[in-house]
Amino acid sequence: ATSGSIGRISTMGWYRQVPGKQRDRVAT
């Protein structure tokens, strides 16, 4: 959930990270 309505004009995405590794893109 995003505060305000800026999300409507933005690209949203999910990323994931495991300990010791970089954060990777999952989906946008």
mmCIF file of all heavy atoms, coordinates in Angstrom:
data_MODEL
# 
_entry.id   MODEL 
# 
loop_
_atom_site.group_PDB 
_atom_site.id 
_atom_site.type_symbol 
_atom_site.label_atom_id 
_atom_site.label_alt_id 
_atom_site.label_comp_id 
_atom_site.label_asym_id 
_atom_site.label_entity_id 
_atom_site.label_seq_id 
_atom_site.pdbx_PDB_ins_code 
_atom_site.Cartn_x 
_atom_site.Cartn_y 
_atom_site.Cartn_z 
_atom_site.occupancy 
_atom_site.B_iso_or_equiv 
_atom_site.pdbx_formal_charge 
_atom_site.auth_seq_id 
_atom_site.auth_comp_id 
_atom_site.auth_asym_id 
_atom_site.auth_atom_id 
_atom_site.pdbx_PDB_model_num 
ATOM 1   N N   . ALA A 1 1  ? 0.842  -1.186  0.000   1.00 0.00 ? 1  ALA A N   1 
ATOM 2   C CA  . ALA A 1 1  ? 0.000  0.000   0.000   1.00 0.00 ? 1  ALA A CA  1 
ATOM 3   C C   . ALA A 1 1  ? 0.882  1.242   0.000   1.00 0.00 ? 1  ALA A C   1 
ATOM 4   O O   . ALA A 1 1  ? 1.833  1.339   0.779   1.00 0.00 ? 1  ALA A O   1 
ATOM 5   C CB  . ALA A 1 1  ? -0.903 0.003   1.227   1.00 0.00 ? 1  ALA A CB  1 
ATOM 6   N N   . THR A 1 2  ? 0.564  2.170   -0.884  1.00 0.00 ? 2  THR A N   1 
ATOM 7   C CA  . THR A 1 2  ? 1.350  3.397   -0.985  1.00 0.00 ? 2  THR A CA  1 
ATOM 8   C C   . THR A 1 2  ? 0.546  4.574   -0.439  1.00 0.00 ? 2  THR A C   1 
ATOM 9   O O   . THR A 1 2  ? -0.679 4.613   -0.566  1.00 0.00 ? 2  THR A O   1 
ATOM 10  C CB  . THR A 1 2  ? 1.736  3.690   -2.438  1.00 0.00 ? 2  THR A CB  1 
ATOM 11  O OG1 . THR A 1 2  ? 0.545  3.968   -3.185  1.00 0.00 ? 2  THR A OG1 1 
ATOM 12  C CG2 . THR A 1 2  ? 2.435  2.515   -3.068  1.00 0.00 ? 2  THR A CG2 1 
ATOM 13  N N   . SER A 1 3  ? 1.247  5.502   0.190   1.00 0.00 ? 3  SER A N   1 
ATOM 14  C CA  . SER A 1 3  ? 0.594  6.705   0.685   1.00 0.00 ? 3  SER A CA  1 
ATOM 15  C C   . SER A 1 3  ? 0.442  7.692   -0.465  1.00 0.00 ? 3  SER A C   1 
ATOM 16  O O   . SER A 1 3  ? 1.326  7.830   -1.296  1.00 0.00 ? 3  SER A O   1 
ATOM 17  C CB  . SER A 1 3  ? 1.428  7.348   1.799   1.00 0.00 ? 3  SER A CB  1 
ATOM 18  O OG  . SER A 1 3  ? 2.709  7.712   1.316   1.00 0.00 ? 3  SER A OG  1 
ATOM 19  N N   . GLY A 1 4  ? -0.706 8.308   -0.556  1.00 0.00 ? 4  GLY A N   1 
ATOM 20  C CA  . GLY A 1 4  ? -0.931 9.248   -1.630  1.00 0.00 ? 4  GLY A CA  1 
ATOM 21  C C   . GLY A 1 4  ? -1.197 8.540   -2.949  1.00 0.00 ? 4  GLY A C   1 
ATOM 22  O O   . GLY A 1 4  ? -1.353 7.323   -3.007  1.00 0.00 ? 4  GLY A O   1 
ATOM 23  N N   . SER A 1 5  ? -1.219 9.323   -3.999  1.00 0.00 ? 5  SER A N   1 
ATOM 24  C CA  . SER A 1 5  ? -1.589 8.782   -5.308  1.00 0.00 ? 5  SER A CA  1 
ATOM 25  C C   . SER A 1 5  ? -0.428 8.754   -6.294  1.00 0.00 ? 5  SER A C   1 
ATOM 26  O O   . SER A 1 5  ? -0.622 8.488   -7.469  1.00 0.00 ? 5  SER A O   1 
ATOM 27  C CB  . SER A 1 5  ? -2.734 9.612   -5.897  1.00 0.00 ? 5  SER A CB  1 
ATOM 28  O OG  . SER A 1 5  ? -2.323 10.968  -6.045  1.00 0.00 ? 5  SER A OG  1 
ATOM 29  N N   . ILE A 1 6  ? 0.790  9.016   -5.814  1.00 0.00 ? 6  ILE A N   1 
ATOM 30  C CA  . ILE A 1 6  ? 1.925  9.038   -6.734  1.00 0.00 ? 6  ILE A CA  1 
ATOM 31  C C   . ILE A 1 6  ? 2.144  7.691   -7.396  1.00 0.00 ? 6  ILE A C   1 
ATOM 32  O O   . ILE A 1 6  ? 2.624  7.588   -8.526  1.00 0.00 ? 6  ILE A O   1 
ATOM 33  C CB  . ILE A 1 6  ? 3.217  9.499   -6.017  1.00 0.00 ? 6  ILE A CB  1 
ATOM 34  C CG1 . ILE A 1 6  ? 4.357  9.717   -7.035  1.00 0.00 ? 6  ILE A CG1 1 
ATOM 35  C CG2 . ILE A 1 6  ? 3.635  8.493   -4.948  1.00 0.00 ? 6  ILE A CG2 1 
ATOM 36  C CD1 . ILE A 1 6  ? 5.604  10.294  -6.449  1.00 0.00 ? 6  ILE A CD1 1 
ATOM 37  N N   . GLY A 1 7  ? 1.727  6.628   -6.690  1.00 0.00 ? 7  GLY A N   1 
ATOM 38  C CA  . GLY A 1 7  ? 1.920  5.300   -7.256  1.00 0.00 ? 7  GLY A CA  1 
ATOM 39  C C   . GLY A 1 7  ? 1.206  5.109   -8.580  1.00 0.00 ? 7  GLY A C   1 
ATOM 40  O O   . GLY A 1 7  ? 1.621  4.308   -9.412  1.00 0.00 ? 7  GLY A O   1 
ATOM 41  N N   . ARG A 1 8  ? 0.130  5.868   -8.764  1.00 0.00 ? 8  ARG A N   1 
ATOM 42  C CA  . ARG A 1 8  ? -0.659 5.710   -9.985  1.00 0.00 ? 8  ARG A CA  1 
ATOM 43  C C   . ARG A 1 8  ? 0.120  6.125   -11.234 1.00 0.00 ? 8  ARG A C   1 
ATOM 44  O O   . ARG A 1 8  ? -0.186 5.670   -12.335 1.00 0.00 ? 8  ARG A O   1 
ATOM 45  C CB  . ARG A 1 8  ? -1.940 6.540   -9.880  1.00 0.00 ? 8  ARG A CB  1 
ATOM 46  C CG  . ARG A 1 8  ? -2.807 6.178   -8.700  1.00 0.00 ? 8  ARG A CG  1 
ATOM 47  C CD  . ARG A 1 8  ? -4.044 7.043   -8.632  1.00 0.00 ? 8  ARG A CD  1 
ATOM 48  N NE  . ARG A 1 8  ? -4.821 6.788   -7.419  1.00 0.00 ? 8  ARG A NE  1 
ATOM 49  C CZ  . ARG A 1 8  ? -5.944 7.399   -7.124  1.00 0.00 ? 8  ARG A CZ  1 
ATOM 50  N NH1 . ARG A 1 8  ? -6.448 8.306   -7.959  1.00 0.00 ? 8  ARG A NH1 1 
ATOM 51  N NH2 . ARG A 1 8  ? -6.572 7.130   -6.000  1.00 0.00 ? 8  ARG A NH2 1 
ATOM 52  N N   . ILE A 1 9  ? 1.097  6.996   -11.069 1.00 0.00 ? 9  ILE A N   1 
ATOM 53  C CA  . ILE A 1 9  ? 1.863  7.467   -12.220 1.00 0.00 ? 9  ILE A CA  1 
ATOM 54  C C   . ILE A 1 9  ? 3.269  6.907   -12.208 1.00 0.00 ? 9  ILE A C   1 
ATOM 55  O O   . ILE A 1 9  ? 4.135  7.382   -12.924 1.00 0.00 ? 9  ILE A O   1 
ATOM 56  C CB  . ILE A 1 9  ? 1.920  9.005   -12.246 1.00 0.00 ? 9  ILE A CB  1 
ATOM 57  C CG1 . ILE A 1 9  ? 2.578  9.559   -10.971 1.00 0.00 ? 9  ILE A CG1 1 
ATOM 58  C CG2 . ILE A 1 9  ? 0.529  9.587   -12.431 1.00 0.00 ? 9  ILE A CG2 1 
ATOM 59  C CD1 . ILE A 1 9  ? 2.843  11.046  -11.038 1.00 0.00 ? 9  ILE A CD1 1 
ATOM 60  N N   . SER A 1 10 ? 3.481  5.890   -11.398 1.00 0.00 ? 10 SER A N   1 
ATOM 61  C CA  . SER A 1 10 ? 4.824  5.347   -11.201 1.00 0.00 ? 10 SER A CA  1 
ATOM 62  C C   . SER A 1 10 ? 4.898  3.897   -11.624 1.00 0.00 ? 10 SER A C   1 
ATOM 63  O O   . SER A 1 10 ? 3.883  3.194   -11.661 1.00 0.00 ? 10 SER A O   1 
ATOM 64  C CB  . SER A 1 10 ? 5.219  5.446   -9.725  1.00 0.00 ? 10 SER A CB  1 
ATOM 65  O OG  . SER A 1 10 ? 5.095  6.767   -9.255  1.00 0.00 ? 10 SER A OG  1 
ATOM 66  N N   . THR A 1 11 ? 6.107  3.465   -11.904 1.00 0.00 ? 11 THR A N   1 
ATOM 67  C CA  . THR A 1 11 ? 6.357  2.041   -12.061 1.00 0.00 ? 11 THR A CA  1 
ATOM 68  C C   . THR A 1 11 ? 6.539  1.446   -10.667 1.00 0.00 ? 11 THR A C   1 
ATOM 69  O O   . THR A 1 11 ? 7.288  1.973   -9.850  1.00 0.00 ? 11 THR A O   1 
ATOM 70  C CB  . THR A 1 11 ? 7.614  1.797   -12.906 1.00 0.00 ? 11 THR A CB  1 
ATOM 71  O OG1 . THR A 1 11 ? 7.354  2.218   -14.245 1.00 0.00 ? 11 THR A OG1 1 
ATOM 72  C CG2 . THR A 1 11 ? 7.997  0.330   -12.914 1.00 0.00 ? 11 THR A CG2 1 
ATOM 73  N N   . MET A 1 12 ? 5.819  0.402   -10.406 1.00 0.00 ? 12 MET A N   1 
ATOM 74  C CA  . MET A 1 12 ? 5.905  -0.289  -9.127  1.00 0.00 ? 12 MET A CA  1 
ATOM 75  C C   . MET A 1 12 ? 6.574  -1.638  -9.343  1.00 0.00 ? 12 MET A C   1 
ATOM 76  O O   . MET A 1 12 ? 6.444  -2.228  -10.423 1.00 0.00 ? 12 MET A O   1 
ATOM 77  C CB  . MET A 1 12 ? 4.519  -0.498  -8.521  1.00 0.00 ? 12 MET A CB  1 
ATOM 78  C CG  . MET A 1 12 ? 3.727  0.767   -8.323  1.00 0.00 ? 12 MET A CG  1 
ATOM 79  S SD  . MET A 1 12 ? 4.411  1.813   -7.037  1.00 0.00 ? 12 MET A SD  1 
ATOM 80  C CE  . MET A 1 12 ? 4.273  0.765   -5.606  1.00 0.00 ? 12 MET A CE  1 
ATOM 81  N N   . GLY A 1 13 ? 7.232  -2.120  -8.319  1.00 0.00 ? 13 GLY A N   1 
ATOM 82  C CA  . GLY A 1 13 ? 7.916  -3.392  -8.490  1.00 0.00 ? 13 GLY A CA  1 
ATOM 83  C C   . GLY A 1 13 ? 8.107  -4.129  -7.181  1.00 0.00 ? 13 GLY A C   1 
ATOM 84  O O   . GLY A 1 13 ? 7.935  -3.562  -6.098  1.00 0.00 ? 13 GLY A O   1 
ATOM 85  N N   . TRP A 1 14 ? 8.415  -5.392  -7.324  1.00 0.00 ? 14 TRP A N   1 
ATOM 86  C CA  . TRP A 1 14 ? 8.791  -6.241  -6.191  1.00 0.00 ? 14 TRP A CA  1 
ATOM 87  C C   . TRP A 1 14 ? 10.212 -6.742  -6.413  1.00 0.00 ? 14 TRP A C   1 
ATOM 88  O O   . TRP A 1 14 ? 10.563 -7.172  -7.513  1.00 0.00 ? 14 TRP A O   1 
ATOM 89  C CB  . TRP A 1 14 ? 7.841  -7.428  -6.058  1.00 0.00 ? 14 TRP A CB  1 
ATOM 90  C CG  . TRP A 1 14 ? 6.485  -7.047  -5.568  1.00 0.00 ? 14 TRP A CG  1 
ATOM 91  C CD1 . TRP A 1 14 ? 5.376  -6.798  -6.311  1.00 0.00 ? 14 TRP A CD1 1 
ATOM 92  C CD2 . TRP A 1 14 ? 6.092  -6.868  -4.200  1.00 0.00 ? 14 TRP A CD2 1 
ATOM 93  N NE1 . TRP A 1 14 ? 4.309  -6.465  -5.502  1.00 0.00 ? 14 TRP A NE1 1 
ATOM 94  C CE2 . TRP A 1 14 ? 4.732  -6.510  -4.197  1.00 0.00 ? 14 TRP A CE2 1 
ATOM 95  C CE3 . TRP A 1 14 ? 6.752  -6.976  -2.978  1.00 0.00 ? 14 TRP A CE3 1 
ATOM 96  C CZ2 . TRP A 1 14 ? 4.016  -6.256  -3.032  1.00 0.00 ? 14 TRP A CZ2 1 
ATOM 97  C CZ3 . TRP A 1 14 ? 6.045  -6.732  -1.806  1.00 0.00 ? 14 TRP A CZ3 1 
ATOM 98  C CH2 . TRP A 1 14 ? 4.706  -6.372  -1.840  1.00 0.00 ? 14 TRP A CH2 1 
ATOM 99  N N   . TYR A 1 15 ? 10.999 -6.659  -5.364  1.00 0.00 ? 15 TYR A N   1 
ATOM 100 C CA  . TYR A 1 15 ? 12.370 -7.139  -5.368  1.00 0.00 ? 15 TYR A CA  1 
ATOM 101 C C   . TYR A 1 15 ? 12.531 -8.092  -4.188  1.00 0.00 ? 15 TYR A C   1 
ATOM 102 O O   . TYR A 1 15 ? 11.718 -8.078  -3.256  1.00 0.00 ? 15 TYR A O   1 
ATOM 103 C CB  . TYR A 1 15 ? 13.345 -5.954  -5.220  1.00 0.00 ? 15 TYR A CB  1 
ATOM 104 C CG  . TYR A 1 15 ? 13.401 -5.048  -6.417  1.00 0.00 ? 15 TYR A CG  1 
ATOM 105 C CD1 . TYR A 1 15 ? 12.319 -4.242  -6.755  1.00 0.00 ? 15 TYR A CD1 1 
ATOM 106 C CD2 . TYR A 1 15 ? 14.520 -4.996  -7.224  1.00 0.00 ? 15 TYR A CD2 1 
ATOM 107 C CE1 . TYR A 1 15 ? 12.355 -3.404  -7.860  1.00 0.00 ? 15 TYR A CE1 1 
ATOM 108 C CE2 . TYR A 1 15 ? 14.583 -4.148  -8.335  1.00 0.00 ? 15 TYR A CE2 1 
ATOM 109 C CZ  . TYR A 1 15 ? 13.486 -3.368  -8.635  1.00 0.00 ? 15 TYR A CZ  1 
ATOM 110 O OH  . TYR A 1 15 ? 13.536 -2.545  -9.736  1.00 0.00 ? 15 TYR A OH  1 
ATOM 111 N N   . ARG A 1 16 ? 13.575 -8.897  -4.225  1.00 0.00 ? 16 ARG A N   1 
ATOM 112 C CA  . ARG A 1 16 ? 13.823 -9.782  -3.102  1.00 0.00 ? 16 ARG A CA  1 
ATOM 113 C C   . ARG A 1 16 ? 15.305 -9.874  -2.808  1.00 0.00 ? 16 ARG A C   1 
ATOM 114 O O   . ARG A 1 16 ? 16.143 -9.678  -3.696  1.00 0.00 ? 16 ARG A O   1 
ATOM 115 C CB  . ARG A 1 16 ? 13.224 -11.176 -3.341  1.00 0.00 ? 16 ARG A CB  1 
ATOM 116 C CG  . ARG A 1 16 ? 13.820 -11.953 -4.512  1.00 0.00 ? 16 ARG A CG  1 
ATOM 117 C CD  . ARG A 1 16 ? 12.999 -13.212 -4.757  1.00 0.00 ? 16 ARG A CD  1 
ATOM 118 N NE  . ARG A 1 16 ? 13.530 -14.006 -5.878  1.00 0.00 ? 16 ARG A NE  1 
ATOM 119 C CZ  . ARG A 1 16 ? 12.913 -15.065 -6.385  1.00 0.00 ? 16 ARG A CZ  1 
ATOM 120 N NH1 . ARG A 1 16 ? 11.758 -15.462 -5.880  1.00 0.00 ? 16 ARG A NH1 1 
ATOM 121 N NH2 . ARG A 1 16 ? 13.463 -15.719 -7.387  1.00 0.00 ? 16 ARG A NH2 1 
ATOM 122 N N   . GLN A 1 17 ? 15.593 -10.191 -1.559  1.00 0.00 ? 17 GLN A N   1 
ATOM 123 C CA  . GLN A 1 17 ? 16.981 -10.234 -1.111  1.00 0.00 ? 17 GLN A CA  1 
ATOM 124 C C   . GLN A 1 17 ? 17.157 -11.324 -0.069  1.00 0.00 ? 17 GLN A C   1 
ATOM 125 O O   . GLN A 1 17 ? 16.336 -11.455 0.843   1.00 0.00 ? 17 GLN A O   1 
ATOM 126 C CB  . GLN A 1 17 ? 17.380 -8.882  -0.525  1.00 0.00 ? 17 GLN A CB  1 
ATOM 127 C CG  . GLN A 1 17 ? 18.849 -8.746  -0.185  1.00 0.00 ? 17 GLN A CG  1 
ATOM 128 C CD  . GLN A 1 17 ? 19.216 -7.325  0.191   1.00 0.00 ? 17 GLN A CD  1 
ATOM 129 O OE1 . GLN A 1 17 ? 18.380 -6.534  0.620   1.00 0.00 ? 17 GLN A OE1 1 
ATOM 130 N NE2 . GLN A 1 17 ? 20.475 -6.962  0.007   1.00 0.00 ? 17 GLN A NE2 1 
ATOM 131 N N   . VAL A 1 18 ? 18.222 -12.094 -0.231  1.00 0.00 ? 18 VAL A N   1 
ATOM 132 C CA  . VAL A 1 18 ? 18.615 -13.084 0.761   1.00 0.00 ? 18 VAL A CA  1 
ATOM 133 C C   . VAL A 1 18 ? 19.891 -12.581 1.424   1.00 0.00 ? 18 VAL A C   1 
ATOM 134 O O   . VAL A 1 18 ? 20.650 -11.817 0.822   1.00 0.00 ? 18 VAL A O   1 
ATOM 135 C CB  . VAL A 1 18 ? 18.811 -14.484 0.159   1.00 0.00 ? 18 VAL A CB  1 
ATOM 136 C CG1 . VAL A 1 18 ? 17.498 -14.988 -0.434  1.00 0.00 ? 18 VAL A CG1 1 
ATOM 137 C CG2 . VAL A 1 18 ? 19.895 -14.475 -0.907  1.00 0.00 ? 18 VAL A CG2 1 
ATOM 138 N N   . PRO A 1 19 ? 20.163 -13.003 2.652   1.00 0.00 ? 19 PRO A N   1 
ATOM 139 C CA  . PRO A 1 19 ? 21.351 -12.508 3.368   1.00 0.00 ? 19 PRO A CA  1 
ATOM 140 C C   . PRO A 1 19 ? 22.639 -12.723 2.568   1.00 0.00 ? 19 PRO A C   1 
ATOM 141 O O   . PRO A 1 19 ? 22.861 -13.806 2.017   1.00 0.00 ? 19 PRO A O   1 
ATOM 142 C CB  . PRO A 1 19 ? 21.344 -13.325 4.653   1.00 0.00 ? 19 PRO A CB  1 
ATOM 143 C CG  . PRO A 1 19 ? 19.920 -13.664 4.875   1.00 0.00 ? 19 PRO A CG  1 
ATOM 144 C CD  . PRO A 1 19 ? 19.347 -13.880 3.509   1.00 0.00 ? 19 PRO A CD  1 
ATOM 145 N N   . GLY A 1 20 ? 23.440 -11.693 2.495   1.00 0.00 ? 20 GLY A N   1 
ATOM 146 C CA  . GLY A 1 20 ? 24.722 -11.789 1.828   1.00 0.00 ? 20 GLY A CA  1 
ATOM 147 C C   . GLY A 1 20 ? 24.676 -11.601 0.325   1.00 0.00 ? 20 GLY A C   1 
ATOM 148 O O   . GLY A 1 20 ? 25.721 -11.668 -0.333  1.00 0.00 ? 20 GLY A O   1 
ATOM 149 N N   . LYS A 1 21 ? 23.490 -11.373 -0.208  1.00 0.00 ? 21 LYS A N   1 
ATOM 150 C CA  . LYS A 1 21 ? 23.364 -11.201 -1.654  1.00 0.00 ? 21 LYS A CA  1 
ATOM 151 C C   . LYS A 1 21 ? 22.696 -9.872  -1.971  1.00 0.00 ? 21 LYS A C   1 
ATOM 152 O O   . LYS A 1 21 ? 22.080 -9.247  -1.122  1.00 0.00 ? 21 LYS A O   1 
ATOM 153 C CB  . LYS A 1 21 ? 22.580 -12.357 -2.265  1.00 0.00 ? 21 LYS A CB  1 
ATOM 154 C CG  . LYS A 1 21 ? 23.300 -13.699 -2.168  1.00 0.00 ? 21 LYS A CG  1 
ATOM 155 C CD  . LYS A 1 21 ? 22.617 -14.754 -3.001  1.00 0.00 ? 21 LYS A CD  1 
ATOM 156 C CE  . LYS A 1 21 ? 23.379 -16.071 -2.970  1.00 0.00 ? 21 LYS A CE  1 
ATOM 157 N NZ  . LYS A 1 21 ? 22.729 -17.117 -3.825  1.00 0.00 ? 21 LYS A NZ  1 
ATOM 158 N N   . GLN A 1 22 ? 22.801 -9.458  -3.225  1.00 0.00 ? 22 GLN A N   1 
ATOM 159 C CA  . GLN A 1 22 ? 22.197 -8.203  -3.630  1.00 0.00 ? 22 GLN A CA  1 
ATOM 160 C C   . GLN A 1 22 ? 20.696 -8.347  -3.757  1.00 0.00 ? 22 GLN A C   1 
ATOM 161 O O   . GLN A 1 22 ? 20.163 -9.447  -3.835  1.00 0.00 ? 22 GLN A O   1 
ATOM 162 C CB  . GLN A 1 22 ? 22.784 -7.742  -4.964  1.00 0.00 ? 22 GLN A CB  1 
ATOM 163 C CG  . GLN A 1 22 ? 22.421 -8.622  -6.144  1.00 0.00 ? 22 GLN A CG  1 
ATOM 164 C CD  . GLN A 1 22 ? 23.023 -8.134  -7.454  1.00 0.00 ? 22 GLN A CD  1 
ATOM 165 O OE1 . GLN A 1 22 ? 23.975 -7.369  -7.469  1.00 0.00 ? 22 GLN A OE1 1 
ATOM 166 N NE2 . GLN A 1 22 ? 22.459 -8.572  -8.561  1.00 0.00 ? 22 GLN A NE2 1 
ATOM 167 N N   . ARG A 1 23 ? 20.033 -7.218  -3.752  1.00 0.00 ? 23 ARG A N   1 
ATOM 168 C CA  . ARG A 1 23 ? 18.592 -7.194  -3.935  1.00 0.00 ? 23 ARG A CA  1 
ATOM 169 C C   . ARG A 1 23 ? 18.291 -7.330  -5.426  1.00 0.00 ? 23 ARG A C   1 
ATOM 170 O O   . ARG A 1 23 ? 18.797 -6.566  -6.239  1.00 0.00 ? 23 ARG A O   1 
ATOM 171 C CB  . ARG A 1 23 ? 18.029 -5.888  -3.385  1.00 0.00 ? 23 ARG A CB  1 
ATOM 172 C CG  . ARG A 1 23 ? 16.529 -5.821  -3.304  1.00 0.00 ? 23 ARG A CG  1 
ATOM 173 C CD  . ARG A 1 23 ? 16.082 -4.559  -2.602  1.00 0.00 ? 23 ARG A CD  1 
ATOM 174 N NE  . ARG A 1 23 ? 16.552 -4.523  -1.216  1.00 0.00 ? 23 ARG A NE  1 
ATOM 175 C CZ  . ARG A 1 23 ? 16.238 -3.548  -0.357  1.00 0.00 ? 23 ARG A CZ  1 
ATOM 176 N NH1 . ARG A 1 23 ? 15.462 -2.543  -0.743  1.00 0.00 ? 23 ARG A NH1 1 
ATOM 177 N NH2 . ARG A 1 23 ? 16.712 -3.576  0.879   1.00 0.00 ? 23 ARG A NH2 1 
ATOM 178 N N   . ASP A 1 24 ? 17.460 -8.295  -5.769  1.00 0.00 ? 24 ASP A N   1 
ATOM 179 C CA  . ASP A 1 24 ? 17.166 -8.586  -7.167  1.00 0.00 ? 24 ASP A CA  1 
ATOM 180 C C   . ASP A 1 24 ? 15.722 -8.251  -7.521  1.00 0.00 ? 24 ASP A C   1 
ATOM 181 O O   . ASP A 1 24 ? 14.810 -8.448  -6.706  1.00 0.00 ? 24 ASP A O   1 
ATOM 182 C CB  . ASP A 1 24 ? 17.415 -10.078 -7.468  1.00 0.00 ? 24 ASP A CB  1 
ATOM 183 C CG  . ASP A 1 24 ? 18.887 -10.448 -7.380  1.00 0.00 ? 24 ASP A CG  1 
ATOM 184 O OD1 . ASP A 1 24 ? 19.734 -9.616  -7.744  1.00 0.00 ? 24 ASP A OD1 1 
ATOM 185 O OD2 . ASP A 1 24 ? 19.166 -11.581 -6.947  1.00 0.00 ? 24 ASP A OD2 1 
ATOM 186 N N   . ARG A 1 25 ? 15.548 -7.814  -8.743  1.00 0.00 ? 25 ARG A N   1 
ATOM 187 C CA  . ARG A 1 25 ? 14.201 -7.546  -9.242  1.00 0.00 ? 25 ARG A CA  1 
ATOM 188 C C   . ARG A 1 25 ? 13.437 -8.842  -9.451  1.00 0.00 ? 25 ARG A C   1 
ATOM 189 O O   . ARG A 1 25 ? 13.972 -9.813  -9.979  1.00 0.00 ? 25 ARG A O   1 
ATOM 190 C CB  . ARG A 1 25 ? 14.283 -6.774  -10.557 1.00 0.00 ? 25 ARG A CB  1 
ATOM 191 C CG  . ARG A 1 25 ? 12.937 -6.452  -11.195 1.00 0.00 ? 25 ARG A CG  1 
ATOM 192 C CD  . ARG A 1 25 ? 13.164 -5.728  -12.538 1.00 0.00 ? 25 ARG A CD  1 
ATOM 193 N NE  . ARG A 1 25 ? 13.895 -6.581  -13.466 1.00 0.00 ? 25 ARG A NE  1 
ATOM 194 C CZ  . ARG A 1 25 ? 13.335 -7.505  -14.240 1.00 0.00 ? 25 ARG A CZ  1 
ATOM 195 N NH1 . ARG A 1 25 ? 12.038 -7.721  -14.189 1.00 0.00 ? 25 ARG A NH1 1 
ATOM 196 N NH2 . ARG A 1 25 ? 14.068 -8.216  -15.070 1.00 0.00 ? 25 ARG A NH2 1 
ATOM 197 N N   . VAL A 1 26 ? 12.182 -8.851  -9.057  1.00 0.00 ? 26 VAL A N   1 
ATOM 198 C CA  . VAL A 1 26 ? 11.298 -10.001 -9.277  1.00 0.00 ? 26 VAL A CA  1 
ATOM 199 C C   . VAL A 1 26 ? 10.288 -9.683  -10.370 1.00 0.00 ? 26 VAL A C   1 
ATOM 200 O O   . VAL A 1 26 ? 10.125 -10.443 -11.326 1.00 0.00 ? 26 VAL A O   1 
ATOM 201 C CB  . VAL A 1 26 ? 10.569 -10.389 -7.982  1.00 0.00 ? 26 VAL A CB  1 
ATOM 202 C CG1 . VAL A 1 26 ? 9.565  -11.513 -8.240  1.00 0.00 ? 26 VAL A CG1 1 
ATOM 203 C CG2 . VAL A 1 26 ? 11.551 -10.783 -6.894  1.00 0.00 ? 26 VAL A CG2 1 
ATOM 204 N N   . ALA A 1 27 ? 9.595  -8.563  -10.231 1.00 0.00 ? 27 ALA A N   1 
ATOM 205 C CA  . ALA A 1 27 ? 8.558  -8.189  -11.195 1.00 0.00 ? 27 ALA A CA  1 
ATOM 206 C C   . ALA A 1 27 ? 8.308  -6.697  -11.095 1.00 0.00 ? 27 ALA A C   1 
ATOM 207 O O   . ALA A 1 27 ? 8.447  -6.109  -10.018 1.00 0.00 ? 27 ALA A O   1 
ATOM 208 C CB  . ALA A 1 27 ? 7.262  -8.959  -10.915 1.00 0.00 ? 27 ALA A CB  1 
ATOM 209 N N   . THR A 1 28 ? 7.931  -6.105  -12.224 1.00 0.00 ? 28 THR A N   1 
ATOM 210 C CA  . THR A 1 28 ? 7.569  -4.692  -12.254 1.00 0.00 ? 28 THR A CA  1 
ATOM 211 C C   . THR A 1 28 ? 6.301  -4.505  -13.068 1.00 0.00 ? 28 THR A C   1 
ATOM 212 O O   . THR A 1 28 ? 5.970  -5.336  -13.923 1.00 0.00 ? 28 THR A O   1 
ATOM 213 C CB  . THR A 1 28 ? 8.686  -3.828  -12.855 1.00 0.00 ? 28 THR A CB  1 
ATOM 214 O OG1 . THR A 1 28 ? 8.982  -4.278  -14.176 1.00 0.00 ? 28 THR A OG1 1 
ATOM 215 C CG2 . THR A 1 28 ? 9.950  -3.867  -12.005 1.00 0.00 ? 28 THR A CG2 1 
# 
